[in-house]
């Protein structure tokens, strides 16, 4: 799929475990990073919140987690710090 084209590929929104699993199955180095937003109230209706595309990864165990409990700038800094440690940047 991407072999030989890029050093890194970022997929910003996976919704189902098979999406992450597929990348691993085809031999790509894959890291599942979850951003947790405690207390976040989104614009979705109750019906939308229980749709499989919103809940399928609830029980999946990610490779790493980042808590987003501040601003967008705070989240950006947390991701940069995490990546620097994870990839020895």
Protein backbone atom coordinates (compact mmCIF):
# COMPACT_ATOMS: atom_id res chain seq x y z
CA UNK A 1 0.00 0.00 0.00
CA UNK A 2 2.61 2.60 1.04
CA UNK A 3 5.86 0.62 1.02
CA UNK A 4 8.80 2.66 -0.21
CA UNK A 5 6.85 5.89 -0.57
CA UNK A 6 7.03 7.47 2.89
CA UNK A 7 8.88 7.03 6.17
CA UNK A 8 5.70 7.66 8.19
CA UNK A 9 1.99 7.73 7.41
CA UNK A 10 -0.50 9.29 9.82
CA UNK A 11 -4.08 8.06 9.73
CA UNK A 12 -5.90 10.50 11.99
CA UNK A 13 -9.12 8.62 12.52
CA UNK A 14 -9.59 4.87 12.66
CA UNK A 15 -13.04 3.70 13.70
CA UNK A 16 -12.80 -0.09 13.79
CA UNK A 17 -10.24 -2.58 15.13
CA UNK A 18 -9.91 -4.26 11.72
CA UNK A 19 -8.54 -1.01 10.28
CA UNK A 20 -5.59 -1.08 12.68
CA UNK A 21 -5.23 -4.86 12.39
CA UNK A 22 -5.11 -4.73 8.59
CA UNK A 23 -2.11 -2.39 8.58
CA UNK A 24 -0.27 -4.78 10.89
CA UNK A 25 -1.29 -7.83 8.85
CA UNK A 26 0.21 -6.42 5.66
CA UNK A 27 3.48 -5.85 7.48
CA UNK A 28 3.44 -2.14 8.18
CA UNK A 29 4.94 -0.92 11.44
CA UNK A 30 1.75 0.32 13.09
CA UNK A 31 1.16 2.20 16.31
CA UNK A 32 -2.38 2.73 17.62
CA UNK A 33 -2.41 6.00 19.60
CA UNK A 34 -5.59 6.97 21.42
CA UNK A 35 -6.35 10.51 22.53
CA UNK A 36 -8.63 10.43 25.58
CA UNK A 37 -10.87 13.45 26.14
CA UNK A 38 -12.29 13.08 29.65
CA UNK A 39 -15.60 14.87 30.07
CA UNK A 40 -15.83 15.79 26.39
CA UNK A 41 -19.39 16.46 25.29
CA UNK A 42 -19.63 16.33 21.52
CA UNK A 43 -22.41 17.38 19.19
CA UNK A 44 -23.59 13.82 18.46
CA UNK A 45 -27.10 12.73 19.35
CA UNK A 46 -27.60 9.83 21.77
CA UNK A 47 -28.40 7.57 18.79
CA UNK A 48 -25.22 8.63 16.97
CA UNK A 49 -23.12 8.06 20.11
CA UNK A 50 -24.04 4.37 20.19
CA UNK A 51 -23.34 3.76 16.49
CA UNK A 52 -20.66 1.05 15.96
CA UNK A 53 -18.35 3.59 14.30
CA UNK A 54 -18.32 5.48 17.61
CA UNK A 55 -18.00 2.49 19.96
CA UNK A 56 -16.04 -0.24 18.14
CA UNK A 57 -12.68 0.81 19.60
CA UNK A 58 -13.96 1.33 23.15
CA UNK A 59 -12.51 -1.98 24.36
CA UNK A 60 -9.45 -1.98 22.09
CA UNK A 61 -6.14 -1.64 23.89
CA UNK A 62 -4.07 1.02 22.13
CA UNK A 63 -0.29 0.98 22.03
CA UNK A 64 -0.23 4.41 23.69
CA UNK A 65 -2.63 6.97 25.16
CA UNK A 66 -2.51 10.72 25.52
CA UNK A 67 -4.90 12.56 27.80
CA UNK A 68 -6.33 15.69 26.21
CA UNK A 69 -7.42 17.70 29.22
CA UNK A 70 -6.47 21.16 27.98
CA UNK A 71 -6.44 23.31 24.89
CA UNK A 72 -5.62 22.30 21.34
CA UNK A 73 -2.15 23.79 21.87
CA UNK A 74 -1.74 21.63 25.00
CA UNK A 75 -2.68 18.55 22.99
CA UNK A 76 -0.22 19.46 20.24
CA UNK A 77 2.58 19.80 22.80
CA UNK A 78 1.63 16.49 24.43
CA UNK A 79 1.77 14.73 21.05
CA UNK A 80 5.14 16.32 20.23
CA UNK A 81 6.54 15.25 23.61
CA UNK A 82 5.16 11.74 23.23
CA UNK A 83 6.52 11.39 19.67
CA UNK A 84 9.95 12.68 20.73
CA UNK A 85 10.13 9.92 23.33
CA UNK A 86 8.52 7.19 21.27
CA UNK A 87 10.62 7.78 18.18
CA UNK A 88 13.77 9.08 19.86
CA UNK A 89 13.50 12.39 17.99
